[in-house]
Each structure stands twice: as C-alpha cells, then as structure tokens.
C-alpha cells in the first residue's frame, strides 16, 4: 500500500470519528448531567464535544484532499 493511500484511509477514519462524536453527544450528555461536579458546566462540555467533532471532520477532509 502506498503512503498516500494509507493517509487517505487515515483521513476517512478521522472523518468517521468526528461523525461518531456528533452521534454520541445526545446519548452521553444526559449521563454527564447526573454527575454533580459537571452539572453546572454542561454548556462548556457540550461546546467542547461539538468543537472536537468539527475538528475531526475537517481534519479528515483536509487529509483526504491533501493526499489525492
């Protein structure tokens, strides 16, 4: 396998991980709200998860396009 092909596959994996983060957020946030320590900062936690998902998706797209 060539290095470009491996990088494209890695980009796809990053992109799918980002999509997975968006899929899991609604399932995980109610569990985090139960924890008393984090219940006051749920907005920051939600924002952080969404930023993480966006960064993974854009990083994956960038890697795929760069290694075409």
N, C-alpha and C. Protein backbone atom coordinates (compact mmCIF):
# COMPACT_ATOMS: atom_id res chain seq x y z
N UNK A 1 0.83 -1.18 0.00
CA UNK A 1 0.00 0.00 0.00
C UNK A 1 0.88 1.24 0.00
N UNK A 2 0.52 2.20 -0.81
CA UNK A 2 1.31 3.42 -0.87
C UNK A 2 1.01 4.32 0.33
N UNK A 3 1.93 5.23 0.58
CA UNK A 3 1.77 6.14 1.71
C UNK A 3 0.55 7.04 1.53
N UNK A 4 0.28 7.46 0.28
CA UNK A 4 -0.89 8.31 0.04
C UNK A 4 -2.18 7.58 0.35
N UNK A 5 -2.24 6.29 -0.02
CA UNK A 5 -3.45 5.50 0.24
C UNK A 5 -3.68 5.35 1.75
N UNK A 6 -2.60 5.12 2.48
CA UNK A 6 -2.72 4.99 3.94
C UNK A 6 -3.20 6.31 4.55
N UNK A 7 -2.67 7.43 4.05
CA UNK A 7 -3.09 8.74 4.55
C UNK A 7 -4.56 9.01 4.22
N UNK A 8 -5.02 8.57 3.06
CA UNK A 8 -6.44 8.75 2.71
C UNK A 8 -7.32 7.92 3.64
N UNK A 9 -6.90 6.70 3.93
CA UNK A 9 -7.67 5.85 4.85
C UNK A 9 -7.69 6.47 6.24
N UNK A 10 -6.55 7.00 6.68
CA UNK A 10 -6.48 7.66 7.99
C UNK A 10 -7.41 8.88 8.01
N UNK A 11 -7.46 9.64 6.92
CA UNK A 11 -8.37 10.77 6.83
C UNK A 11 -9.82 10.34 6.94
N UNK A 12 -10.15 9.23 6.30
CA UNK A 12 -11.51 8.69 6.38
C UNK A 12 -11.85 8.28 7.81
N UNK A 13 -10.88 7.66 8.48
CA UNK A 13 -11.09 7.24 9.87
C UNK A 13 -11.33 8.47 10.76
N UNK A 14 -10.54 9.53 10.56
CA UNK A 14 -10.74 10.76 11.32
C UNK A 14 -12.13 11.34 11.09
N UNK A 15 -12.53 11.37 9.83
CA UNK A 15 -13.84 11.92 9.49
C UNK A 15 -14.96 11.10 10.13
N UNK A 16 -14.84 9.78 10.08
CA UNK A 16 -15.86 8.93 10.70
C UNK A 16 -15.88 9.08 12.22
N UNK A 17 -14.72 9.29 12.82
CA UNK A 17 -14.66 9.53 14.27
C UNK A 17 -15.39 10.82 14.63
N UNK A 18 -15.23 11.85 13.81
CA UNK A 18 -15.94 13.12 14.03
C UNK A 18 -17.44 12.95 13.93
N UNK A 19 -17.87 12.19 12.94
CA UNK A 19 -19.30 11.92 12.78
C UNK A 19 -19.81 11.12 13.98
N UNK A 20 -18.98 10.18 14.45
CA UNK A 20 -19.35 9.39 15.63
C UNK A 20 -19.51 10.24 16.87
N UNK A 21 -18.68 11.28 17.00
CA UNK A 21 -18.81 12.19 18.15
C UNK A 21 -20.17 12.89 18.10
N UNK A 22 -20.56 13.37 16.91
CA UNK A 22 -21.87 14.02 16.80
C UNK A 22 -23.01 13.05 17.10
N UNK A 23 -22.83 11.79 16.74
CA UNK A 23 -23.86 10.78 17.00
C UNK A 23 -23.98 10.48 18.50
N UNK A 24 -22.85 10.48 19.21
CA UNK A 24 -22.83 10.09 20.62
C UNK A 24 -23.19 11.22 21.59
N UNK A 25 -23.06 12.47 21.19
CA UNK A 25 -23.30 13.58 22.11
C UNK A 25 -24.68 13.50 22.77
N UNK A 26 -25.77 13.32 22.02
CA UNK A 26 -27.08 13.27 22.68
C UNK A 26 -27.23 12.09 23.66
N UNK A 27 -26.44 11.04 23.46
CA UNK A 27 -26.54 9.88 24.35
C UNK A 27 -25.69 10.06 25.61
N UNK A 28 -24.61 10.81 25.51
CA UNK A 28 -23.67 10.94 26.62
C UNK A 28 -24.01 12.12 27.54
N UNK A 29 -24.52 13.19 27.00
CA UNK A 29 -24.80 14.40 27.80
C UNK A 29 -25.73 14.12 28.98
N UNK A 30 -26.83 13.37 28.81
CA UNK A 30 -27.66 13.09 30.00
C UNK A 30 -26.91 12.33 31.10
N UNK A 31 -25.98 11.46 30.72
CA UNK A 31 -25.19 10.74 31.72
C UNK A 31 -24.23 11.68 32.43
N UNK A 32 -23.70 12.66 31.71
CA UNK A 32 -22.78 13.63 32.32
C UNK A 32 -23.55 14.56 33.26
N UNK A 33 -24.80 14.91 32.92
CA UNK A 33 -25.61 15.79 33.77
C UNK A 33 -25.84 15.18 35.15
N UNK A 34 -25.84 13.86 35.23
CA UNK A 34 -26.08 13.19 36.50
C UNK A 34 -24.93 13.44 37.48
N UNK A 35 -23.72 13.56 36.95
CA UNK A 35 -22.55 13.79 37.79
C UNK A 35 -22.61 15.22 38.34
N UNK A 36 -22.66 15.34 39.63
CA UNK A 36 -22.89 16.64 40.27
C UNK A 36 -21.79 17.65 39.95
N UNK A 37 -20.57 17.20 39.84
CA UNK A 37 -19.44 18.09 39.58
C UNK A 37 -19.57 18.77 38.21
N UNK A 38 -20.08 18.04 37.22
CA UNK A 38 -20.15 18.57 35.86
C UNK A 38 -21.49 19.18 35.49
N UNK A 39 -22.49 19.07 36.37
CA UNK A 39 -23.83 19.53 36.01
C UNK A 39 -23.90 21.04 35.80
N UNK A 40 -23.03 21.80 36.46
CA UNK A 40 -23.05 23.25 36.31
C UNK A 40 -22.37 23.72 35.03
N UNK A 41 -21.50 22.91 34.47
CA UNK A 41 -20.72 23.32 33.29
C UNK A 41 -21.11 22.53 32.06
N UNK A 42 -22.34 22.10 31.97
CA UNK A 42 -22.77 21.25 30.86
C UNK A 42 -22.68 21.98 29.51
N UNK A 43 -22.87 23.28 29.50
CA UNK A 43 -22.76 24.05 28.25
C UNK A 43 -21.34 24.03 27.71
N UNK A 44 -20.37 24.17 28.59
CA UNK A 44 -18.97 24.14 28.17
C UNK A 44 -18.60 22.75 27.66
N UNK A 45 -19.09 21.74 28.34
CA UNK A 45 -18.79 20.37 27.94
C UNK A 45 -19.40 20.07 26.58
N UNK A 46 -20.64 20.47 26.37
CA UNK A 46 -21.30 20.27 25.09
C UNK A 46 -20.55 20.99 23.97
N UNK A 47 -20.19 22.24 24.21
CA UNK A 47 -19.43 23.03 23.24
C UNK A 47 -18.11 22.34 22.89
N UNK A 48 -17.43 21.82 23.90
CA UNK A 48 -16.16 21.14 23.68
C UNK A 48 -16.33 19.90 22.81
N UNK A 49 -17.37 19.12 23.07
CA UNK A 49 -17.62 17.94 22.25
C UNK A 49 -17.90 18.33 20.79
N UNK A 50 -18.72 19.35 20.58
CA UNK A 50 -19.02 19.77 19.22
C UNK A 50 -17.78 20.29 18.49
N UNK A 51 -16.94 21.05 19.19
CA UNK A 51 -15.70 21.53 18.58
C UNK A 51 -14.80 20.35 18.22
N UNK A 52 -14.70 19.37 19.11
CA UNK A 52 -13.91 18.18 18.83
C UNK A 52 -14.41 17.47 17.58
N UNK A 53 -15.73 17.31 17.46
CA UNK A 53 -16.31 16.66 16.29
C UNK A 53 -16.00 17.42 15.01
N UNK A 54 -16.15 18.74 15.05
CA UNK A 54 -15.87 19.57 13.86
C UNK A 54 -14.40 19.47 13.47
N UNK A 55 -13.51 19.53 14.45
CA UNK A 55 -12.08 19.43 14.16
C UNK A 55 -11.71 18.08 13.55
N UNK A 56 -12.30 17.01 14.05
CA UNK A 56 -12.03 15.70 13.49
C UNK A 56 -12.52 15.59 12.05
N UNK A 57 -13.72 16.09 11.79
CA UNK A 57 -14.28 16.02 10.44
C UNK A 57 -13.44 16.85 9.47
N UNK A 58 -13.15 18.10 9.82
CA UNK A 58 -12.37 18.94 8.92
C UNK A 58 -10.93 18.44 8.76
N UNK A 59 -10.36 17.90 9.82
CA UNK A 59 -9.02 17.33 9.72
C UNK A 59 -8.99 16.13 8.78
N UNK A 60 -10.01 15.29 8.87
CA UNK A 60 -10.11 14.14 7.97
C UNK A 60 -10.30 14.56 6.53
N UNK A 61 -11.17 15.54 6.29
CA UNK A 61 -11.39 16.03 4.93
C UNK A 61 -10.11 16.63 4.37
N UNK A 62 -9.42 17.39 5.20
CA UNK A 62 -8.17 18.02 4.76
C UNK A 62 -7.12 16.98 4.39
N UNK A 63 -7.02 15.93 5.19
CA UNK A 63 -6.05 14.87 4.93
C UNK A 63 -6.41 14.11 3.66
N UNK A 64 -7.69 13.86 3.44
CA UNK A 64 -8.11 13.17 2.22
C UNK A 64 -7.80 14.00 0.98
N UNK A 65 -8.14 15.29 1.03
CA UNK A 65 -7.92 16.16 -0.13
C UNK A 65 -6.43 16.41 -0.39
N UNK A 66 -5.64 16.48 0.67
CA UNK A 66 -4.21 16.73 0.52
C UNK A 66 -3.49 15.53 -0.11
N UNK A 67 -4.00 14.33 0.10
CA UNK A 67 -3.33 13.13 -0.39
C UNK A 67 -4.02 12.49 -1.58
N UNK A 68 -4.70 13.28 -2.37
CA UNK A 68 -5.32 12.75 -3.59
C UNK A 68 -4.32 12.52 -4.65
